C-alpha atoms as a PDB file:
ATOM      1  CA  ILE A   1      -6.580 -13.906   6.522  1.00  0.00           C
ATOM      2  CA  SER A   2      -6.531 -17.214   8.329  1.00  0.00           C
ATOM      3  CA  ALA A   3      -8.737 -20.119   7.248  1.00  0.00           C
ATOM      4  CA  TYR A   4     -10.645 -19.625  10.507  1.00  0.00           C
ATOM      5  CA  VAL A   5     -11.434 -15.919  10.001  1.00  0.00           C
ATOM      6  CA  SER A   6     -14.659 -14.902   8.278  1.00  0.00           C
ATOM      7  CA  PHE A   7     -14.727 -11.475   6.648  1.00  0.00           C
ATOM      8  CA  GLY A   8     -17.260  -9.120   8.231  1.00  0.00           C
ATOM      9  CA  ASN A   9     -16.501  -5.680   6.851  1.00  0.00           C
ATOM     10  CA  LEU A  10     -13.741  -3.184   6.227  1.00  0.00           C
ATOM     11  CA  ARG A  11     -14.370   0.509   6.808  1.00  0.00           C
ATOM     12  CA  ILE A  12     -12.090   3.334   5.681  1.00  0.00           C
ATOM     13  CA  TYR A  13     -12.193   6.811   7.232  1.00  0.00           C
ATOM     14  CA  ASN A  14     -10.603  10.141   6.407  1.00  0.00           C
ATOM     15  CA  ARG A  15      -8.709  12.176   8.993  1.00  0.00           C
ATOM     16  CA  TYR A  16     -11.933  13.885  10.081  1.00  0.00           C
ATOM     17  CA  GLY A  17     -13.562  10.579  11.027  1.00  0.00           C
ATOM     18  CA  GLN A  18     -15.905  10.522   8.027  1.00  0.00           C
ATOM     19  CA  GLN A  19     -16.470   7.010   6.695  1.00  0.00           C
ATOM     20  CA  ILE A  20     -15.536   7.045   3.018  1.00  0.00           C
ATOM     21  CA  TYR A  21     -15.654   3.346   2.148  1.00  0.00           C
ATOM     22  CA  LEU A  22     -17.338   0.135   3.290  1.00  0.00           C
ATOM     23  CA  ALA A  23     -16.445  -3.314   1.953  1.00  0.00           C
ATOM     24  CA  LYS A  24     -18.747  -6.186   2.897  1.00  0.00           C
ATOM     25  CA  ALA A  25     -16.843  -8.892   0.990  1.00  0.00           C
ATOM     26  CA  LEU A  26     -13.206  -9.889   0.691  1.00  0.00           C
ATOM     27  CA  SER A  27     -13.394  -9.449  -3.104  1.00  0.00           C
ATOM     28  CA  GLU A  28     -14.234  -5.720  -2.825  1.00  0.00           C
ATOM     29  CA  TYR A  29     -11.448  -3.145  -2.862  1.00  0.00           C
ATOM     30  CA  TRP A  30     -11.075   0.612  -2.401  1.00  0.00           C
ATOM     31  CA  ASP A  31      -9.779   2.537  -5.405  1.00  0.00           C
ATOM     32  CA  GLY A  32      -8.998   5.807  -3.581  1.00  0.00           C
ATOM     33  CA  ASN A  33     -12.250   7.478  -4.599  1.00  0.00           C
ATOM     34  CA  TYR A  34     -15.264   8.741  -2.690  1.00  0.00           C
ATOM     35  CA  ASN A  35     -18.559   9.501  -4.469  1.00  0.00           C
ATOM     36  CA  GLY A  36     -16.780   9.249  -7.824  1.00  0.00           C
ATOM     37  CA  GLN A  37     -14.120  11.812  -6.895  1.00  0.00           C
ATOM     38  CA  ASN A  38     -10.403  11.149  -6.443  1.00  0.00           C
ATOM     39  CA  LEU A  39      -9.452  11.721  -2.831  1.00  0.00           C
ATOM     40  CA  PRO A  40      -6.286  13.674  -2.056  1.00  0.00           C
ATOM     41  CA  ALA A  41      -3.058  11.916  -1.143  1.00  0.00           C
ATOM     42  CA  GLY A  42      -2.736  11.430   2.597  1.00  0.00           C
ATOM     43  CA  ILE A  43      -3.277   9.109   5.500  1.00  0.00           C
ATOM     44  CA  TYR A  44      -6.554   7.217   5.836  1.00  0.00           C
ATOM     45  CA  TYR A  45      -7.651   4.907   8.616  1.00  0.00           C
ATOM     46  CA  TRP A  46      -9.225   1.453   8.400  1.00  0.00           C
ATOM     47  CA  ILE A  47     -11.131  -0.830  10.737  1.00  0.00           C
ATOM     48  CA  PHE A  48     -11.579  -4.515   9.948  1.00  0.00           C
ATOM     49  CA  GLU A  49     -14.248  -6.623  11.637  1.00  0.00           C
ATOM     50  CA  GLY A  50     -14.557 -10.366  11.296  1.00  0.00           C
ATOM     51  CA  VAL A  51     -15.159 -13.569  13.220  1.00  0.00           C
ATOM     52  CA  ASP A  52     -12.649 -16.208  14.284  1.00  0.00           C
ATOM     53  CA  SER A  53     -14.740 -19.350  13.778  1.00  0.00           C
ATOM     54  CA  TYR A  54     -12.193 -21.560  15.570  1.00  0.00           C
ATOM     55  CA  TYR A  55     -12.470 -19.651  18.860  1.00  0.00           C
ATOM     56  CA  SER A  56     -15.947 -18.181  18.161  1.00  0.00           C
ATOM     57  CA  THR A  57     -14.733 -14.664  18.864  1.00  0.00           C
ATOM     58  CA  LYS A  58     -15.162 -11.340  17.143  1.00  0.00           C
ATOM     59  CA  ILE A  59     -12.023  -9.824  15.610  1.00  0.00           C
ATOM     60  CA  THR A  60     -11.476  -6.088  15.275  1.00  0.00           C
ATOM     61  CA  LYS A  61      -8.248  -4.712  13.858  1.00  0.00           C
ATOM     62  CA  ALA A  62      -7.382  -1.140  12.903  1.00  0.00           C
ATOM     63  CA  GLY A  63      -4.561   0.726  11.233  1.00  0.00           C
ATOM     64  CA  SER A  64      -3.675   3.391   8.732  1.00  0.00           C
ATOM     65  CA  ILE A  65      -2.887   3.449   5.042  1.00  0.00           C
ATOM     66  CA  ALA A  66      -1.152   6.079   2.913  1.00  0.00           C
ATOM     67  CA  LEU A  67      -2.862   7.032  -0.334  1.00  0.00           C
ATOM     68  CA  LEU A  68      -0.275   8.161  -2.877  1.00  0.00           C
ATOM     69  CA  ARG A  69      -1.141   9.958  -6.095  1.00  0.00           C
END
C-alpha cells in the first residue's frame, strides 16, 4: 500500500456472495475461518476499499484468492 493510501476495509466473500470476513484495519488478517469453523479449500473473492489522500479519491480494488488446506 502506498504512503498516500489509507486503509478503509477489506471484505472477503465465498462463491455464493456471502460475506465471510471484514477487516477494518491493516493489522487484521483472515485465517481461513468463518464463525470459528475452517472453511473448505477453494476460491474466495475480496474487495478492498480505501482512500488515496494525495488525489482525494476513493480506491476500490477486487480480486480472488485461493485457500489451500
